[in-house]
Amino acid sequence: MINVCRRGEDLLLTIAHECFHIYQDALHGVGWRNRACRSDVEGEADLFVVSKTDEVRAFIERWERTPHAPE
């Protein structure tokens, strides 16, 4: 589950974290996270998120500079 109360960079990094968990399930099989050590599972996801932080920040900067159609 993703905490939808998060905004901006926090929301995008949370989504990246959860997407990595989906990747882990696809790679290792469903249920792997339940059997694995929590620090291994979360450690891999955290490393992925750290590796994407600059990309997320660049995306937000571009988004803020881009005019958007009214909702």
PDB file of N, CA and C in Angstrom:
ATOM      1  N   MET A   1       0.843  -1.174   0.000  1.00  0.00           N
ATOM      2  CA  MET A   1       0.000   0.000   0.000  1.00  0.00           C
ATOM      3  C   MET A   1       0.890   1.240   0.000  1.00  0.00           C
ATOM      4  N   ILE A   2       0.414   2.246  -0.692  1.00  0.00           N
ATOM      5  CA  ILE A   2       1.143   3.506  -0.760  1.00  0.00           C
ATOM      6  C   ILE A   2       0.373   4.560   0.005  1.00  0.00           C
ATOM      7  N   ASN A   3       1.066   5.237   0.887  1.00  0.00           N
ATOM      8  CA  ASN A   3       0.460   6.303   1.674  1.00  0.00           C
ATOM      9  C   ASN A   3       0.188   7.491   0.753  1.00  0.00           C
ATOM     10  N   VAL A   4      -1.076   7.699   0.413  1.00  0.00           N
ATOM     11  CA  VAL A   4      -1.418   8.766  -0.524  1.00  0.00           C
ATOM     12  C   VAL A   4      -1.390  10.148   0.111  1.00  0.00           C
ATOM     13  N   CYS A   5      -1.091  10.227   1.387  1.00  0.00           N
ATOM     14  CA  CYS A   5      -0.945  11.537   2.038  1.00  0.00           C
ATOM     15  C   CYS A   5       0.398  12.165   1.690  1.00  0.00           C
ATOM     16  N   ARG A   6       1.285  11.387   1.138  1.00  0.00           N
ATOM     17  CA  ARG A   6       2.597  11.928   0.750  1.00  0.00           C
ATOM     18  C   ARG A   6       2.440  12.779  -0.497  1.00  0.00           C
ATOM     19  N   ARG A   7       3.333  13.710  -0.677  1.00  0.00           N
ATOM     20  CA  ARG A   7       3.278  14.614  -1.817  1.00  0.00           C
ATOM     21  C   ARG A   7       4.666  14.783  -2.401  1.00  0.00           C
ATOM     22  N   GLY A   8       4.698  15.196  -3.656  1.00  0.00           N
ATOM     23  CA  GLY A   8       5.944  15.548  -4.320  1.00  0.00           C
ATOM     24  C   GLY A   8       6.968  14.431  -4.316  1.00  0.00           C
ATOM     25  N   GLU A   9       8.179  14.800  -3.943  1.00  0.00           N
ATOM     26  CA  GLU A   9       9.297  13.854  -3.966  1.00  0.00           C
ATOM     27  C   GLU A   9       9.026  12.635  -3.078  1.00  0.00           C
ATOM     28  N   ASP A  10       8.462  12.855  -1.907  1.00  0.00           N
ATOM     29  CA  ASP A  10       8.181  11.730  -1.008  1.00  0.00           C
ATOM     30  C   ASP A  10       7.238  10.722  -1.652  1.00  0.00           C
ATOM     31  N   LEU A  11       6.211  11.202  -2.340  1.00  0.00           N
ATOM     32  CA  LEU A  11       5.268  10.297  -2.993  1.00  0.00           C
ATOM     33  C   LEU A  11       5.945   9.506  -4.100  1.00  0.00           C
ATOM     34  N   LEU A  12       6.720  10.192  -4.944  1.00  0.00           N
ATOM     35  CA  LEU A  12       7.374   9.500  -6.059  1.00  0.00           C
ATOM     36  C   LEU A  12       8.405   8.486  -5.572  1.00  0.00           C
ATOM     37  N   LEU A  13       9.137   8.821  -4.517  1.00  0.00           N
ATOM     38  CA  LEU A  13      10.117   7.867  -3.990  1.00  0.00           C
ATOM     39  C   LEU A  13       9.418   6.683  -3.321  1.00  0.00           C
ATOM     40  N   THR A  14       8.282   6.921  -2.714  1.00  0.00           N
ATOM     41  CA  THR A  14       7.510   5.822  -2.129  1.00  0.00           C
ATOM     42  C   THR A  14       7.004   4.890  -3.226  1.00  0.00           C
ATOM     43  N   ILE A  15       6.539   5.456  -4.321  1.00  0.00           N
ATOM     44  CA  ILE A  15       6.092   4.636  -5.447  1.00  0.00           C
ATOM     45  C   ILE A  15       7.256   3.819  -5.990  1.00  0.00           C
ATOM     46  N   ALA A  16       8.433   4.426  -6.119  1.00  0.00           N
ATOM     47  CA  ALA A  16       9.616   3.694  -6.589  1.00  0.00           C
ATOM     48  C   ALA A  16       9.932   2.531  -5.657  1.00  0.00           C
ATOM     49  N   HIS A  17       9.837   2.763  -4.367  1.00  0.00           N
ATOM     50  CA  HIS A  17      10.107   1.733  -3.367  1.00  0.00           C
ATOM     51  C   HIS A  17       9.142   0.556  -3.539  1.00  0.00           C
ATOM     52  N   GLU A  18       7.860   0.864  -3.680  1.00  0.00           N
ATOM     53  CA  GLU A  18       6.867  -0.198  -3.825  1.00  0.00           C
ATOM     54  C   GLU A  18       6.997  -0.916  -5.164  1.00  0.00           C
ATOM     55  N   CYS A  19       7.359  -0.192  -6.201  1.00  0.00           N
ATOM     56  CA  CYS A  19       7.592  -0.833  -7.509  1.00  0.00           C
ATOM     57  C   CYS A  19       8.753  -1.817  -7.421  1.00  0.00           C
ATOM     58  N   PHE A  20       9.769  -1.475  -6.645  1.00  0.00           N
ATOM     59  CA  PHE A  20      10.891  -2.394  -6.482  1.00  0.00           C
ATOM     60  C   PHE A  20      10.441  -3.664  -5.785  1.00  0.00           C
ATOM     61  N   HIS A  21       9.512  -3.557  -4.850  1.00  0.00           N
ATOM     62  CA  HIS A  21       8.985  -4.765  -4.208  1.00  0.00           C
ATOM     63  C   HIS A  21       8.257  -5.652  -5.226  1.00  0.00           C
ATOM     64  N   ILE A  22       7.575  -5.059  -6.174  1.00  0.00           N
ATOM     65  CA  ILE A  22       6.936  -5.845  -7.234  1.00  0.00           C
ATOM     66  C   ILE A  22       8.006  -6.555  -8.060  1.00  0.00           C
ATOM     67  N   TYR A  23       9.085  -5.846  -8.371  1.00  0.00           N
ATOM     68  CA  TYR A  23      10.205  -6.452  -9.088  1.00  0.00           C
ATOM     69  C   TYR A  23      10.782  -7.629  -8.301  1.00  0.00           C
ATOM     70  N   GLN A  24      10.951  -7.448  -6.981  1.00  0.00           N
ATOM     71  CA  GLN A  24      11.466  -8.540  -6.148  1.00  0.00           C
ATOM     72  C   GLN A  24      10.551  -9.761  -6.223  1.00  0.00           C
ATOM     73  N   ASP A  25       9.250  -9.542  -6.174  1.00  0.00           N
ATOM     74  CA  ASP A  25       8.300 -10.649  -6.266  1.00  0.00           C
ATOM     75  C   ASP A  25       8.423 -11.362  -7.610  1.00  0.00           C
ATOM     76  N   ALA A  26       8.571 -10.586  -8.684  1.00  0.00           N
ATOM     77  CA  ALA A  26       8.708 -11.189 -10.009  1.00  0.00           C
ATOM     78  C   ALA A  26      10.022 -11.963 -10.122  1.00  0.00           C
ATOM     79  N   LEU A  27      11.085 -11.423  -9.548  1.00  0.00           N
ATOM     80  CA  LEU A  27      12.400 -12.046  -9.628  1.00  0.00           C
ATOM     81  C   LEU A  27      12.506 -13.312  -8.780  1.00  0.00           C
ATOM     82  N   HIS A  28      12.047 -13.219  -7.539  1.00  0.00           N
ATOM     83  CA  HIS A  28      12.245 -14.304  -6.576  1.00  0.00           C
ATOM     84  C   HIS A  28      11.010 -15.174  -6.365  1.00  0.00           C
ATOM     85  N   GLY A  29       9.867 -14.733  -6.862  1.00  0.00           N
ATOM     86  CA  GLY A  29       8.630 -15.466  -6.659  1.00  0.00           C
ATOM     87  C   GLY A  29       7.816 -14.859  -5.528  1.00  0.00           C
ATOM     88  N   VAL A  30       6.518 -14.924  -5.700  1.00  0.00           N
ATOM     89  CA  VAL A  30       5.621 -14.384  -4.686  1.00  0.00           C
ATOM     90  C   VAL A  30       5.857 -15.118  -3.371  1.00  0.00           C
ATOM     91  N   GLY A  31       5.882 -14.390  -2.305  1.00  0.00           N
ATOM     92  CA  GLY A  31       6.121 -14.966  -0.993  1.00  0.00           C
ATOM     93  C   GLY A  31       7.558 -14.869  -0.536  1.00  0.00           C
ATOM     94  N   TRP A  32       8.459 -14.543  -1.455  1.00  0.00           N
ATOM     95  CA  TRP A  32       9.876 -14.439  -1.099  1.00  0.00           C
ATOM     96  C   TRP A  32      10.088 -13.422   0.004  1.00  0.00           C
ATOM     97  N   ARG A  33       9.415 -12.272  -0.097  1.00  0.00           N
ATOM     98  CA  ARG A  33       9.608 -11.227   0.918  1.00  0.00           C
ATOM     99  C   ARG A  33       9.179 -11.693   2.296  1.00  0.00           C
ATOM    100  N   ASN A  34       8.181 -12.570   2.361  1.00  0.00           N
ATOM    101  CA  ASN A  34       7.742 -13.093   3.658  1.00  0.00           C
ATOM    102  C   ASN A  34       8.770 -14.042   4.261  1.00  0.00           C
ATOM    103  N   ARG A  35       9.504 -14.736   3.415  1.00  0.00           N
ATOM    104  CA  ARG A  35      10.493 -15.706   3.890  1.00  0.00           C
ATOM    105  C   ARG A  35      11.865 -15.085   4.118  1.00  0.00           C
ATOM    106  N   ALA A  36      12.144 -13.975   3.452  1.00  0.00           N
ATOM    107  CA  ALA A  36      13.475 -13.351   3.512  1.00  0.00           C
ATOM    108  C   ALA A  36      13.593 -12.459   4.747  1.00  0.00           C
ATOM    109  N   CYS A  37      14.817 -12.161   5.065  1.00  0.00           N
ATOM    110  CA  CYS A  37      15.119 -11.239   6.164  1.00  0.00           C
ATOM    111  C   CYS A  37      14.629  -9.834   5.774  1.00  0.00           C
ATOM    112  N   ARG A  38      13.901  -9.197   6.663  1.00  0.00           N
ATOM    113  CA  ARG A  38      13.346  -7.868   6.376  1.00  0.00           C
ATOM    114  C   ARG A  38      14.425  -6.873   5.960  1.00  0.00           C
ATOM    115  N   SER A  39      15.593  -6.935   6.592  1.00  0.00           N
ATOM    116  CA  SER A  39      16.651  -5.979   6.242  1.00  0.00           C
ATOM    117  C   SER A  39      17.156  -6.209   4.817  1.00  0.00           C
ATOM    118  N   ASP A  40      17.156  -7.454   4.352  1.00  0.00           N
ATOM    119  CA  ASP A  40      17.550  -7.731   2.961  1.00  0.00           C
ATOM    120  C   ASP A  40      16.529  -7.160   1.992  1.00  0.00           C
ATOM    121  N   VAL A  41      15.261  -7.428   2.280  1.00  0.00           N
ATOM    122  CA  VAL A  41      14.181  -6.973   1.407  1.00  0.00           C
ATOM    123  C   VAL A  41      14.160  -5.448   1.325  1.00  0.00           C
ATOM    124  N   GLU A  42      14.136  -4.803   2.472  1.00  0.00           N
ATOM    125  CA  GLU A  42      14.051  -3.344   2.501  1.00  0.00           C
ATOM    126  C   GLU A  42      15.362  -2.695   2.087  1.00  0.00           C
ATOM    127  N   GLY A  43      16.474  -3.338   2.386  1.00  0.00           N
ATOM    128  CA  GLY A  43      17.773  -2.802   1.994  1.00  0.00           C
ATOM    129  C   GLY A  43      17.913  -2.692   0.490  1.00  0.00           C
ATOM    130  N   GLU A  44      17.501  -3.742  -0.230  1.00  0.00           N
ATOM    131  CA  GLU A  44      17.539  -3.702  -1.700  1.00  0.00           C
ATOM    132  C   GLU A  44      16.645  -2.590  -2.230  1.00  0.00           C
ATOM    133  N   ALA A  45      15.448  -2.489  -1.674  1.00  0.00           N
ATOM    134  CA  ALA A  45      14.510  -1.457  -2.128  1.00  0.00           C
ATOM    135  C   ALA A  45      15.054  -0.066  -1.832  1.00  0.00           C
ATOM    136  N   ASP A  46      15.634   0.108  -0.658  1.00  0.00           N
ATOM    137  CA  ASP A  46      16.194   1.413  -0.292  1.00  0.00           C
ATOM    138  C   ASP A  46      17.337   1.814  -1.229  1.00  0.00           C
ATOM    139  N   LEU A  47      18.188   0.862  -1.583  1.00  0.00           N
ATOM    140  CA  LEU A  47      19.281   1.157  -2.514  1.00  0.00           C
ATOM    141  C   LEU A  47      18.743   1.588  -3.873  1.00  0.00           C
ATOM    142  N   PHE A  48      17.688   0.916  -4.324  1.00  0.00           N
ATOM    143  CA  PHE A  48      17.068   1.289  -5.597  1.00  0.00           C
ATOM    144  C   PHE A  48      16.538   2.722  -5.535  1.00  0.00           C
ATOM    145  N   VAL A  49      15.833   3.034  -4.459  1.00  0.00           N
ATOM    146  CA  VAL A  49      15.253   4.375  -4.312  1.00  0.00           C
ATOM    147  C   VAL A  49      16.356   5.431  -4.292  1.00  0.00           C
ATOM    148  N   VAL A  50      17.417   5.188  -3.553  1.00  0.00           N
ATOM    149  CA  VAL A  50      18.534   6.136  -3.512  1.00  0.00           C
ATOM    150  C   VAL A  50      19.103   6.344  -4.915  1.00  0.00           C
ATOM    151  N   SER A  51      19.177   5.261  -5.695  1.00  0.00           N
ATOM    152  CA  SER A  51      19.723   5.370  -7.052  1.00  0.00           C
ATOM    153  C   SER A  51      18.813   6.182  -7.977  1.00  0.00           C
ATOM    154  N   LYS A  52      17.554   6.333  -7.626  1.00  0.00           N
ATOM    155  CA  LYS A  52      16.587   7.055  -8.462  1.00  0.00           C
ATOM    156  C   LYS A  52      16.277   8.468  -7.960  1.00  0.00           C
ATOM    157  N   THR A  53      16.826   8.849  -6.824  1.00  0.00           N
ATOM    158  CA  THR A  53      16.493  10.140  -6.219  1.00  0.00           C
ATOM    159  C   THR A  53      16.788  11.313  -7.146  1.00  0.00           C
ATOM    160  N   ASP A  54      17.937  11.326  -7.788  1.00  0.00           N
ATOM    161  CA  ASP A  54      18.279  12.440  -8.692  1.00  0.00           C
ATOM    162  C   ASP A  54      17.305  12.504  -9.863  1.00  0.00           C
ATOM    163  N   GLU A  55      16.911  11.343 -10.396  1.00  0.00           N
ATOM    164  CA  GLU A  55      15.954  11.326 -11.498  1.00  0.00           C
ATOM    165  C   GLU A  55      14.596  11.860 -11.062  1.00  0.00           C
ATOM    166  N   VAL A  56      14.174  11.503  -9.871  1.00  0.00           N
ATOM    167  CA  VAL A  56      12.895  11.994  -9.350  1.00  0.00           C
ATOM    168  C   VAL A  56      12.958  13.506  -9.176  1.00  0.00           C
ATOM    169  N   ARG A  57      14.030  14.007  -8.620  1.00  0.00           N
ATOM    170  CA  ARG A  57      14.163  15.454  -8.426  1.00  0.00           C
ATOM    171  C   ARG A  57      14.173  16.190  -9.768  1.00  0.00           C
ATOM    172  N   ALA A  58      14.863  15.640 -10.755  1.00  0.00           N
ATOM    173  CA  ALA A  58      14.896  16.259 -12.088  1.00  0.00           C
ATOM    174  C   ALA A  58      13.506  16.259 -12.712  1.00  0.00           C
ATOM    175  N   PHE A  59      12.771  15.160 -12.524  1.00  0.00           N
ATOM    176  CA  PHE A  59      11.408  15.087 -13.040  1.00  0.00           C
ATOM    177  C   PHE A  59      10.545  16.181 -12.418  1.00  0.00           C
ATOM    178  N   ILE A  60      10.625  16.335 -11.105  1.00  0.00           N
ATOM    179  CA  ILE A  60       9.817  17.343 -10.412  1.00  0.00           C
ATOM    180  C   ILE A  60      10.176  18.742 -10.902  1.00  0.00           C
ATOM    181  N   GLU A  61      11.469  19.013 -11.085  1.00  0.00           N
ATOM    182  CA  GLU A  61      11.887  20.324 -11.583  1.00  0.00           C
ATOM    183  C   GLU A  61      11.315  20.592 -12.973  1.00  0.00           C
ATOM    184  N   ARG A  62      11.374  19.590 -13.869  1.00  0.00           N
ATOM    185  CA  ARG A  62      10.804  19.754 -15.214  1.00  0.00           C
ATOM    186  C   ARG A  62       9.293  19.947 -15.132  1.00  0.00           C
ATOM    187  N   TRP A  63       8.640  19.179 -14.291  1.00  0.00           N
ATOM    188  CA  TRP A  63       7.191  19.257 -14.134  1.00  0.00           C
ATOM    189  C   TRP A  63       6.773  20.665 -13.672  1.00  0.00           C
ATOM    190  N   GLU A  64       7.515  21.207 -12.736  1.00  0.00           N
ATOM    191  CA  GLU A  64       7.181  22.539 -12.207  1.00  0.00           C
ATOM    192  C   GLU A  64       7.403  23.639 -13.227  1.00  0.00           C
ATOM    193  N   ARG A  65       8.304  23.426 -14.196  1.00  0.00           N
ATOM    194  CA  ARG A  65       8.576  24.418 -15.232  1.00  0.00           C
ATOM    195  C   ARG A  65       7.634  24.292 -16.423  1.00  0.00           C
ATOM    196  N   THR A  66       6.924  23.169 -16.543  1.00  0.00           N
ATOM    197  CA  THR A  66       6.081  22.887 -17.693  1.00  0.00           C
ATOM    198  C   THR A  66       4.660  23.396 -17.447  1.00  0.00           C
ATOM    199  N   PRO A  67       4.148  24.218 -18.376  1.00  0.00           N
ATOM    200  CA  PRO A  67       2.750  24.652 -18.198  1.00  0.00           C
ATOM    201  C   PRO A  67       1.808  23.463 -18.406  1.00  0.00           C
ATOM    202  N   HIS A  68       0.781  23.413 -17.585  1.00  0.00           N
ATOM    203  CA  HIS A  68      -0.183  22.299 -17.652  1.00  0.00           C
ATOM    204  C   HIS A  68      -1.569  22.854 -17.955  1.00  0.00           C
ATOM    205  N   ALA A  69      -2.336  22.068 -18.647  1.00  0.00           N
ATOM    206  CA  ALA A  69      -3.712  22.464 -18.951  1.00  0.00           C
ATOM    207  C   ALA A  69      -4.518  22.517 -17.661  1.00  0.00           C
ATOM    208  N   PRO A  70      -5.458  23.433 -17.569  1.00  0.00           N
ATOM    209  CA  PRO A  70      -6.289  23.471 -16.341  1.00  0.00           C
ATOM    210  C   PRO A  70      -7.090  22.184 -16.193  1.00  0.00           C
ATOM    211  N   GLU A  71      -7.339  21.824 -14.976  1.00  0.00           N
ATOM    212  CA  GLU A  71      -8.080  20.582 -14.704  1.00  0.00           C
ATOM    213  C   GLU A  71      -9.563  20.819 -14.827  1.00  0.00           C
TER     214      GLU A  71
END
